[in-house]
C-alpha atoms as a PDB file:
ATOM      1  CA  MET A   1       0.000   0.000   0.000  1.00  0.00           C
ATOM      2  CA  SER A   2       1.411   3.368  -0.981  1.00  0.00           C
ATOM      3  CA  ALA A   3       2.164   6.052   1.596  1.00  0.00           C
ATOM      4  CA  ASP A   4      -0.502   8.295   0.037  1.00  0.00           C
ATOM      5  CA  ARG A   5      -3.112   5.562   0.363  1.00  0.00           C
ATOM      6  CA  VAL A   6      -2.185   4.917   4.000  1.00  0.00           C
ATOM      7  CA  ALA A   7      -2.372   8.632   4.801  1.00  0.00           C
ATOM      8  CA  LEU A   8      -5.747   9.010   3.111  1.00  0.00           C
ATOM      9  CA  LEU A   9      -7.104   5.970   4.935  1.00  0.00           C
ATOM     10  CA  ARG A  10      -5.944   7.405   8.255  1.00  0.00           C
ATOM     11  CA  LEU A  11      -7.583  10.759   7.539  1.00  0.00           C
ATOM     12  CA  LEU A  12     -10.840   9.015   6.708  1.00  0.00           C
ATOM     13  CA  GLU A  13     -10.631   6.982   9.906  1.00  0.00           C
ATOM     14  CA  ILE A  14     -10.176  10.167  11.911  1.00  0.00           C
ATOM     15  CA  ASP A  15     -13.078  11.905  10.161  1.00  0.00           C
ATOM     16  CA  LEU A  16     -15.368   8.904  10.601  1.00  0.00           C
ATOM     17  CA  CYS A  17     -14.641   8.927  14.333  1.00  0.00           C
ATOM     18  CA  GLN A  18     -15.661  12.567  14.673  1.00  0.00           C
ATOM     19  CA  PRO A  19     -19.445  12.896  14.251  1.00  0.00           C
ATOM     20  CA  GLN A  20     -19.178  16.695  14.271  1.00  0.00           C
ATOM     21  CA  ARG A  21     -17.321  16.448  10.952  1.00  0.00           C
ATOM     22  CA  ALA A  22     -19.963  14.284   9.249  1.00  0.00           C
ATOM     23  CA  ASP A  23     -21.305  17.063   7.011  1.00  0.00           C
ATOM     24  CA  GLU A  24     -17.807  18.006   5.889  1.00  0.00           C
ATOM     25  CA  LEU A  25     -16.968  14.374   5.166  1.00  0.00           C
ATOM     26  CA  GLU A  26     -20.207  13.864   3.235  1.00  0.00           C
ATOM     27  CA  ASP A  27     -19.437  16.903   1.084  1.00  0.00           C
ATOM     28  CA  TRP A  28     -15.994  15.427   0.316  1.00  0.00           C
ATOM     29  CA  ILE A  29     -17.578  12.069  -0.552  1.00  0.00           C
ATOM     30  CA  LYS A  30     -20.095  13.670  -2.940  1.00  0.00           C
ATOM     31  CA  GLU A  31     -17.450  15.818  -4.630  1.00  0.00           C
ATOM     32  CA  THR A  32     -15.013  12.926  -4.959  1.00  0.00           C
ATOM     33  CA  LEU A  33     -17.577  10.482  -6.364  1.00  0.00           C
ATOM     34  CA  ALA A  34     -18.851  13.125  -8.797  1.00  0.00           C
ATOM     35  CA  ARG A  35     -15.307  13.455 -10.202  1.00  0.00           C
ATOM     36  CA  THR A  36     -14.267   9.808  -9.947  1.00  0.00           C
ATOM     37  CA  PRO A  37     -17.154   7.406  -9.239  1.00  0.00           C
ATOM     38  CA  ASN A  38     -14.991   4.424  -8.238  1.00  0.00           C
ATOM     39  CA  THR A  39     -12.856   6.076  -5.572  1.00  0.00           C
ATOM     40  CA  LEU A  40     -12.475   3.308  -3.022  1.00  0.00           C
ATOM     41  CA  PHE A  41     -12.010   5.516   0.033  1.00  0.00           C
ATOM     42  CA  ALA A  42     -15.063   7.629  -0.757  1.00  0.00           C
ATOM     43  CA  LEU A  43     -17.178   4.531  -1.361  1.00  0.00           C
ATOM     44  CA  LEU A  44     -15.991   2.983   1.891  1.00  0.00           C
ATOM     45  CA  ALA A  45     -16.652   6.160   3.872  1.00  0.00           C
ATOM     46  CA  ARG A  46     -20.128   6.343   2.337  1.00  0.00           C
ATOM     47  CA  ALA A  47     -20.803   2.733   3.329  1.00  0.00           C
ATOM     48  CA  VAL A  48     -19.772   3.419   6.921  1.00  0.00           C
ATOM     49  CA  ILE A  49     -21.971   6.510   7.111  1.00  0.00           C
ATOM     50  CA  LEU A  50     -24.941   4.625   5.676  1.00  0.00           C
ATOM     51  CA  GLU A  51     -24.405   1.832   8.185  1.00  0.00           C
ATOM     52  CA  ARG A  52     -24.278   4.286  11.096  1.00  0.00           C
ATOM     53  CA  ARG A  53     -27.582   5.738   9.954  1.00  0.00           C
ATOM     54  CA  GLN A  54     -29.009   2.238   9.669  1.00  0.00           C
ATOM     55  CA  ASP A  55     -29.781   2.996   6.035  1.00  0.00           C
ATOM     56  CA  PRO A  56     -31.019  -0.130   4.233  1.00  0.00           C
ATOM     57  CA  THR A  57     -28.665   0.597   1.323  1.00  0.00           C
ATOM     58  CA  ALA A  58     -25.542   0.149   3.488  1.00  0.00           C
ATOM     59  CA  GLY A  59     -25.212  -3.525   2.529  1.00  0.00           C
ATOM     60  CA  ARG A  60     -25.185  -2.666  -1.158  1.00  0.00           C
ATOM     61  CA  ALA A  61     -22.610   0.044  -0.491  1.00  0.00           C
ATOM     62  CA  TYR A  62     -20.275  -2.467   1.168  1.00  0.00           C
ATOM     63  CA  GLU A  63     -20.916  -4.897  -1.688  1.00  0.00           C
ATOM     64  CA  THR A  64     -19.777  -2.215  -4.135  1.00  0.00           C
ATOM     65  CA  VAL A  65     -16.614  -1.712  -2.069  1.00  0.00           C
ATOM     66  CA  GLY A  66     -16.006  -5.469  -2.182  1.00  0.00           C
ATOM     67  CA  GLN A  67     -16.406  -5.561  -5.940  1.00  0.00           C
ATOM     68  CA  LEU A  68     -13.965  -2.712  -6.395  1.00  0.00           C
ATOM     69  CA  CYS A  69     -11.413  -4.318  -4.060  1.00  0.00           C
ATOM     70  CA  GLU A  70     -11.764  -7.593  -5.921  1.00  0.00           C
ATOM     71  CA  LYS A  71     -11.285  -5.840  -9.252  1.00  0.00           C
ATOM     72  CA  ASP A  72      -8.134  -4.177  -7.862  1.00  0.00           C
ATOM     73  CA  GLY A  73      -6.807  -7.575  -6.778  1.00  0.00           C
ATOM     74  CA  ASP A  74      -7.180  -6.860  -3.074  1.00  0.00           C
ATOM     75  CA  ARG A  75      -8.829 -10.129  -2.053  1.00  0.00           C
ATOM     76  CA  ALA A  76      -8.500  -9.672   1.705  1.00  0.00           C
ATOM     77  CA  ASP A  77     -10.316  -6.323   1.709  1.00  0.00           C
ATOM     78  CA  ALA A  78     -12.878  -7.678  -0.758  1.00  0.00           C
ATOM     79  CA  VAL A  79     -13.692 -10.540   1.604  1.00  0.00           C
ATOM     80  CA  LEU A  80     -14.055  -8.150   4.545  1.00  0.00           C
ATOM     81  CA  ALA A  81     -16.380  -5.881   2.576  1.00  0.00           C
ATOM     82  CA  TYR A  82     -18.485  -8.818   1.382  1.00  0.00           C
ATOM     83  CA  LEU A  83     -18.721 -10.156   4.939  1.00  0.00           C
ATOM     84  CA  LYS A  84     -19.925  -6.788   6.184  1.00  0.00           C
ATOM     85  CA  ALA A  85     -22.445  -6.606   3.346  1.00  0.00           C
ATOM     86  CA  GLY A  86     -23.700 -10.071   4.239  1.00  0.00           C
ATOM     87  CA  GLN A  87     -24.169  -9.083   7.870  1.00  0.00           C
ATOM     88  CA  LEU A  88     -26.223  -6.080   6.845  1.00  0.00           C
ATOM     89  CA  PHE A  89     -28.373  -8.087   4.416  1.00  0.00           C
ATOM     90  CA  GLU A  90     -29.467 -10.477   7.204  1.00  0.00           C
END
């Protein structure tokens, strides 16, 4: 994993842990996905937010993350995303 990817993941983790920054994070997600629809970090952050809100589309969001990870050859993360999706579909 590149240093940039690790740094971005850490920033997202920090933002997701701070509910007061939810609006700011959602704006970033919308802007990022509008420019590049398959941005893994934005899709993952969206899935987490949907799950926290108990939105019924959260499972599909994690499934999308799994598909993208699988396409990128990241089998371990794909499995984790699919497992999370499966838990939310139950």
